[in-house]
Amino acid sequence: MAIFLNADSKVIVQGMTGAVGMKHTTLMLADGTAVVGGVNPKKAGTSVDFNGTDIPVFGSVKEAMEATGANVSVVFVPPAFTKSAVVEAIDAEIPLVVVITEGVPVKDSAEFFNYALQKQKDNDASDGARLGKATRIIGPNCPGLISPGKSNVGIIPGDIAGPGRIGLVSKSGTLTYQMMYELREFGFSSAIGIGGDPVIGTTHIDALEAFQADDETDAIVMIGEIGGDAEERAAAYIQEHVTKPVVGYVAGFTAPEGKTMGHAGAIVSGSSGTAQAKKEALEAAGVKVGKTPSETAELMRDIMRGL
């Protein structure tokens, strides 16, 4: 089992024929991901050869789903077109959309996320049989997610770590890669980069809930960063609902007040959103928090050795 993504996932790529989409489709295929189609209205009816694997291009997400049975879309389109791409995927009722694109206007992200929520509410109100038709959005501005040995959607290098029983959720792509490398001896059930923008579709809490319910995840690493209160809310959720061991790391202890650091959402305002406040909230919930990524990895090693 894995969260959100497994060996049965069938993936389409919105923006597959662009330079970035081509590059990462090649890598996803090499990692064993079942990429079954691309979407580009201007190139519908054509196909692209990826080292001997011929992938068809469709005019819309709906057409691609009908032809291939796809249940995951990964978005590699420029920021100006991301909102329309995600809305199209939501309208097609694909279960999972992974938005890799960086630089998406926060207004656009808020609108397509709320559109997905409203569509689910409308479905529930009109037809009880359609319950569960919500589209989960991961990102934007994220590296995607990987269930090693099963599927890899996004830009996480597939050779960092293999299958195992650690779950990882992170705001930072780079720290996702580092933590996977540091804990490669144990491996991962799933690793998910949720993105660091102020508005994202899937939160730490969503991932924690899924890992708690996953029989093949024994322990969880949670990586946060300065800005906002997502980590504090995750700490409260852990205290109430998570029984598996959790270790954490919060990036940005030395960040100056009022300056955006790396991600659009990583900004400290007054005493709000500081790394120290997040660390204290997590520790109060029983989460062991490392001062560095390497120290955090060592805390997880100690847990895994004791299981």
Protein backbone atom coordinates (compact mmCIF):
# COMPACT_ATOMS: atom_id res chain seq x y z
CA MET A 1 0.00 0.00 0.00
CA ALA A 2 1.05 3.62 -0.45
CA ILE A 3 -0.66 6.97 0.02
CA PHE A 4 -2.33 8.65 -2.96
CA LEU A 5 -0.17 6.77 -5.50
CA ASN A 6 0.45 3.07 -6.10
CA ALA A 7 1.44 0.50 -8.71
CA ASP A 8 -2.03 0.67 -10.27
CA SER A 9 -1.90 4.42 -10.86
CA LYS A 10 -2.26 5.43 -14.51
CA VAL A 11 -0.72 8.82 -15.21
CA ILE A 12 -1.29 11.46 -17.85
CA VAL A 13 0.96 14.48 -18.32
CA GLN A 14 -0.55 17.90 -19.01
CA GLY A 15 2.23 19.66 -20.87
CA MET A 16 4.01 16.45 -21.90
CA THR A 17 5.15 17.85 -25.27
CA GLY A 18 6.96 20.83 -23.74
CA ALA A 19 10.66 20.68 -22.88
CA VAL A 20 10.14 20.19 -19.12
CA GLY A 21 7.27 17.76 -19.64
CA MET A 22 9.31 15.70 -22.10
CA LYS A 23 12.28 15.52 -19.73
CA HIS A 24 10.32 14.39 -16.72
CA THR A 25 8.04 12.05 -18.62
CA THR A 26 11.21 10.27 -19.74
CA LEU A 27 12.40 10.03 -16.14
CA MET A 28 9.02 8.89 -14.79
CA LEU A 29 8.83 6.14 -17.40
CA ALA A 30 12.38 5.04 -16.57
CA ASP A 31 11.31 4.76 -12.94
CA GLY A 32 8.46 2.42 -13.84
CA THR A 33 5.58 4.89 -13.69
CA ALA A 34 2.62 3.92 -15.88
CA VAL A 35 2.46 7.07 -18.02
CA VAL A 36 -0.41 6.39 -20.43
CA GLY A 37 -0.89 9.69 -22.23
CA GLY A 38 -0.21 13.37 -22.63
CA VAL A 39 -2.57 16.33 -23.06
CA ASN A 40 -2.06 19.11 -25.60
CA PRO A 41 -5.06 20.31 -27.65
CA LYS A 42 -2.78 21.51 -30.44
CA LYS A 43 -1.16 18.07 -30.84
CA ALA A 44 -4.15 15.81 -30.23
CA GLY A 45 -3.99 12.60 -32.25
CA THR A 46 -0.20 12.50 -32.38
CA SER A 47 2.15 10.47 -30.20
CA VAL A 48 5.62 10.88 -28.72
CA ASP A 49 8.31 8.22 -28.66
CA PHE A 50 10.12 7.93 -25.34
CA ASN A 51 13.01 5.55 -25.88
CA GLY A 52 10.78 3.04 -27.63
CA THR A 53 7.64 3.70 -25.60
CA ASP A 54 4.98 5.40 -27.72
CA ILE A 55 2.77 7.72 -25.66
CA PRO A 56 -0.40 9.13 -27.28
CA VAL A 57 -1.36 12.81 -27.02
CA PHE A 58 -4.99 13.73 -26.35
CA GLY A 59 -6.91 16.96 -26.77
CA SER A 60 -8.26 17.06 -23.22
CA VAL A 61 -8.00 15.38 -19.84
CA LYS A 62 -11.46 13.91 -20.30
CA GLU A 63 -10.47 12.31 -23.62
CA ALA A 64 -7.30 10.94 -22.09
CA MET A 65 -9.17 9.43 -19.16
CA GLU A 66 -11.79 7.84 -21.39
CA ALA A 67 -9.15 6.30 -23.66
CA THR A 68 -6.66 5.14 -21.05
CA GLY A 69 -8.41 4.85 -17.69
CA ALA A 70 -5.99 7.41 -16.24
CA ASN A 71 -6.55 8.37 -12.61
CA VAL A 72 -3.61 10.76 -12.04
CA SER A 73 -2.55 13.90 -13.90
CA VAL A 74 0.74 15.73 -13.45
CA VAL A 75 0.87 19.33 -14.62
CA PHE A 76 3.96 20.73 -16.36
CA VAL A 77 2.52 23.87 -17.95
CA PRO A 78 3.63 27.52 -17.57
CA PRO A 79 2.17 29.50 -14.64
CA ALA A 80 -0.16 31.54 -16.86
CA PHE A 81 -1.92 28.38 -18.04
CA THR A 82 -1.84 26.34 -14.83
CA LYS A 83 -5.24 27.42 -13.53
CA SER A 84 -7.03 26.42 -16.74
CA ALA A 85 -5.16 23.09 -16.82
CA VAL A 86 -6.14 22.25 -13.25
CA VAL A 87 -9.75 23.34 -13.75
CA GLU A 88 -9.93 21.10 -16.82
CA ALA A 89 -8.67 18.16 -14.75
CA ILE A 90 -11.19 18.91 -11.99
CA ASP A 91 -14.03 19.08 -14.51
CA ALA A 92 -12.96 15.67 -15.84
CA GLU A 93 -13.13 14.37 -12.22
CA ILE A 94 -9.68 12.84 -12.24
CA PRO A 95 -8.94 11.71 -8.66
CA LEU A 96 -5.44 13.22 -8.33
CA VAL A 97 -3.74 16.26 -9.88
CA VAL A 98 -0.08 16.93 -9.09
CA VAL A 99 0.86 20.53 -9.94
CA ILE A 100 4.62 20.85 -10.32
CA THR A 101 4.61 24.38 -11.79
CA GLU A 102 6.37 27.09 -9.81
CA GLY A 103 5.27 30.72 -9.84
CA VAL A 104 1.52 30.12 -10.00
CA PRO A 105 -0.27 33.29 -8.78
CA VAL A 106 -1.71 32.71 -5.31
CA LYS A 107 -5.08 33.99 -6.54
CA ASP A 108 -5.13 31.27 -9.22
CA SER A 109 -4.22 28.56 -6.71
CA ALA A 110 -6.95 29.70 -4.32
CA GLU A 111 -9.49 29.74 -7.14
CA PHE A 112 -8.77 26.27 -8.50
CA PHE A 113 -8.55 24.75 -5.03
CA ASN A 114 -11.90 26.27 -4.05
CA TYR A 115 -13.32 25.19 -7.41
CA ALA A 116 -12.45 21.59 -6.58
CA LEU A 117 -14.10 21.89 -3.16
CA GLN A 118 -17.23 23.49 -4.60
CA LYS A 119 -17.53 20.87 -7.33
CA GLN A 120 -17.39 18.16 -4.69
CA LYS A 121 -20.11 19.89 -2.66
CA ASP A 122 -22.29 20.24 -5.76
CA ASN A 123 -21.81 16.55 -6.60
CA ASP A 124 -22.68 15.50 -3.07
CA ALA A 125 -25.82 17.64 -3.08
CA SER A 126 -27.07 16.47 -6.46
CA ASP A 127 -26.28 12.76 -6.34
CA GLY A 128 -25.30 10.80 -3.28
CA ALA A 129 -23.85 8.07 -5.49
CA ARG A 130 -21.13 10.49 -6.56
CA LEU A 131 -19.63 10.75 -3.10
CA GLY A 132 -15.86 10.37 -3.22
CA LYS A 133 -15.50 12.02 -6.63
CA ALA A 134 -13.37 14.85 -5.23
CA THR A 135 -10.15 15.72 -7.02
CA ARG A 136 -7.15 15.84 -4.72
CA ILE A 137 -4.65 18.55 -5.66
CA ILE A 138 -1.00 18.32 -4.64
CA GLY A 139 1.01 21.51 -5.05
CA PRO A 140 1.54 23.82 -6.79
CA ASN A 141 5.28 24.51 -6.64
CA CYS A 142 6.06 21.02 -5.43
CA PRO A 143 8.29 18.08 -6.45
CA GLY A 144 5.37 15.64 -6.52
CA LEU A 145 5.25 12.28 -4.80
CA ILE A 146 6.84 8.87 -5.02
CA SER A 147 5.92 5.43 -3.77
CA PRO A 148 9.29 3.71 -4.38
CA GLY A 149 9.03 0.55 -6.44
CA LYS A 150 5.44 1.41 -7.42
CA SER A 151 5.12 4.82 -9.06
CA ASN A 152 6.77 8.24 -9.23
CA VAL A 153 4.87 11.36 -10.32
CA GLY A 154 6.74 14.63 -10.56
CA ILE A 155 10.44 15.45 -10.33
CA ILE A 156 11.70 13.44 -7.34
CA PRO A 157 14.72 11.42 -8.51
CA GLY A 158 13.68 7.78 -8.42
CA ASP A 159 17.06 6.38 -7.40
CA ILE A 160 17.52 8.16 -4.05
CA ALA A 161 15.85 5.49 -1.92
CA GLY A 162 13.91 2.29 -2.34
CA PRO A 163 10.78 0.86 -0.75
CA GLY A 164 10.51 0.83 3.03
CA ARG A 165 8.23 1.70 5.92
CA ILE A 166 8.89 5.40 6.51
CA GLY A 167 6.40 8.04 5.36
CA LEU A 168 7.73 11.49 4.48
CA VAL A 169 5.80 14.75 4.00
CA SER A 170 7.69 17.94 3.26
CA LYS A 171 7.18 21.53 2.17
CA SER A 172 10.64 21.59 0.60
CA GLY A 173 11.68 19.67 -2.50
CA THR A 174 15.40 19.84 -1.73
CA LEU A 175 14.89 18.67 1.86
CA THR A 176 12.67 15.85 0.57
CA TYR A 177 15.60 14.59 -1.50
CA GLN A 178 18.08 15.00 1.36
CA MET A 179 15.89 13.17 3.87
CA MET A 180 15.26 10.32 1.44
CA TYR A 181 19.01 9.99 0.87
CA GLU A 182 19.84 10.11 4.57
CA LEU A 183 17.29 7.38 5.34
CA ARG A 184 17.87 5.27 2.23
CA GLU A 185 18.94 2.28 4.34
CA PHE A 186 15.35 2.02 5.62
CA GLY A 187 13.41 3.17 2.54
CA PHE A 188 9.99 4.75 2.18
CA SER A 189 6.37 3.71 1.79
CA SER A 190 5.68 7.10 0.19
CA ALA A 191 7.32 10.52 0.10
CA ILE A 192 5.25 13.57 -0.76
CA GLY A 193 6.35 17.13 -1.41
CA ILE A 194 3.33 19.32 -0.71
CA GLY A 195 4.89 22.60 -1.85
CA GLY A 196 5.69 25.82 -0.04
CA ASP A 197 3.22 28.28 -1.54
CA PRO A 198 0.73 30.09 0.74
CA VAL A 199 -2.16 28.12 -0.81
CA ILE A 200 -1.67 24.41 -1.50
CA GLY A 201 -4.11 21.63 -2.21
CA THR A 202 -2.79 18.96 0.16
CA THR A 203 -1.49 19.80 3.63
CA HIS A 204 0.71 18.19 6.24
CA ILE A 205 -2.47 17.09 8.01
CA ASP A 206 -3.82 15.36 4.89
CA ALA A 207 -0.60 13.40 4.55
CA LEU A 208 -0.40 12.59 8.27
CA GLU A 209 -3.95 11.23 8.16
CA ALA A 210 -3.09 9.03 5.18
CA PHE A 211 0.14 7.75 6.73
CA GLN A 212 -1.64 6.99 10.00
CA ALA A 213 -4.14 4.86 8.07
CA ASP A 214 -1.49 3.11 5.94
CA ASP A 215 -0.62 -0.35 7.23
CA GLU A 216 2.77 -0.26 5.50
CA THR A 217 3.95 2.98 7.15
CA ASP A 218 5.53 2.52 10.57
CA ALA A 219 6.88 6.03 11.27
CA ILE A 220 6.62 9.51 9.77
CA VAL A 221 9.03 12.35 9.00
CA MET A 222 7.45 15.79 8.71
CA ILE A 223 9.45 18.68 7.27
CA GLY A 224 8.13 22.21 7.61
CA GLU A 225 9.48 25.72 7.27
CA ILE A 226 8.91 29.24 8.53
CA GLY A 227 5.76 31.14 7.65
CA GLY A 228 2.10 30.54 8.34
CA ASP A 229 0.74 28.15 10.96
CA ALA A 230 0.55 24.85 9.06
CA GLU A 231 3.06 23.16 11.34
CA GLU A 232 1.28 24.30 14.49
CA ARG A 233 -2.00 22.93 13.14
CA ALA A 234 -0.24 19.70 12.19
CA ALA A 235 1.14 19.47 15.74
CA ALA A 236 -2.38 19.72 17.15
CA TYR A 237 -3.56 17.03 14.73
CA ILE A 238 -0.69 14.72 15.68
CA GLN A 239 -1.49 15.09 19.36
CA GLU A 240 -5.12 14.12 18.79
CA HIS A 241 -4.98 11.57 15.98
CA VAL A 242 -1.52 10.15 15.21
CA THR A 243 -0.27 7.15 17.18
CA LYS A 244 2.75 6.36 15.00
CA PRO A 245 6.11 7.95 15.90
CA VAL A 246 6.75 11.27 14.17
CA VAL A 247 10.00 13.21 13.85
CA GLY A 248 10.17 16.73 12.48
CA TYR A 249 12.40 19.42 11.10
CA VAL A 250 11.58 23.09 10.59
CA ALA A 251 13.71 25.02 8.10
CA GLY A 252 14.48 28.68 8.66
CA PHE A 253 15.79 29.25 12.19
CA THR A 254 18.12 32.01 10.97
CA ALA A 255 15.67 33.69 8.58
CA PRO A 256 15.36 37.48 9.08
CA GLU A 257 11.94 38.87 9.92
CA GLY A 258 9.87 40.14 6.98
CA LYS A 259 11.97 38.54 4.23
CA THR A 260 10.59 35.82 1.98
CA MET A 261 12.93 32.83 2.06
CA GLY A 262 12.81 30.43 -0.87
CA HIS A 263 9.09 29.72 -1.01
CA ALA A 264 6.36 32.29 -1.41
CA GLY A 265 4.86 31.16 1.89
CA ALA A 266 8.12 31.19 3.83
CA ILE A 267 8.00 34.57 5.49
CA VAL A 268 8.05 35.51 9.17
CA SER A 269 5.84 38.37 10.34
CA GLY A 270 6.52 39.49 13.91
CA SER A 271 6.35 36.48 16.22
CA SER A 272 4.13 34.57 13.83
CA GLY A 273 5.47 31.69 11.80
CA THR A 274 8.91 31.41 13.39
CA ALA A 275 10.85 28.18 13.34
CA GLN A 276 11.18 28.24 17.12
CA ALA A 277 7.41 28.54 17.64
CA LYS A 278 6.80 25.64 15.27
CA LYS A 279 9.47 23.52 16.96
CA GLU A 280 7.92 24.15 20.36
CA ALA A 281 4.43 23.26 19.12
CA LEU A 282 5.65 20.00 17.61
CA GLU A 283 7.63 19.04 20.70
CA ALA A 284 4.60 19.75 22.88
CA ALA A 285 2.73 17.21 20.74
CA GLY A 286 5.39 14.56 21.36
CA VAL A 287 7.25 15.01 18.09
CA LYS A 288 11.03 14.78 18.26
CA VAL A 289 12.45 17.74 16.31
CA GLY A 290 15.98 17.83 14.91
CA LYS A 291 18.08 20.99 14.74
CA THR A 292 19.36 19.97 11.30
CA PRO A 293 18.13 17.58 8.60
CA SER A 294 20.89 15.13 9.51
CA GLU A 295 19.98 15.21 13.19
CA THR A 296 16.34 14.64 12.23
CA ALA A 297 17.36 11.62 10.15
CA GLU A 298 19.30 10.24 13.11
CA LEU A 299 16.22 10.58 15.32
CA MET A 300 14.29 8.52 12.78
CA ARG A 301 17.06 5.91 12.58
CA ASP A 302 16.81 5.44 16.34
CA ILE A 303 13.05 4.91 16.04
CA MET A 304 13.32 2.46 13.15
CA ARG A 305 15.99 0.42 14.89
CA GLY A 306 13.73 0.11 17.90
CA LEU A 307 10.66 -1.09 15.97
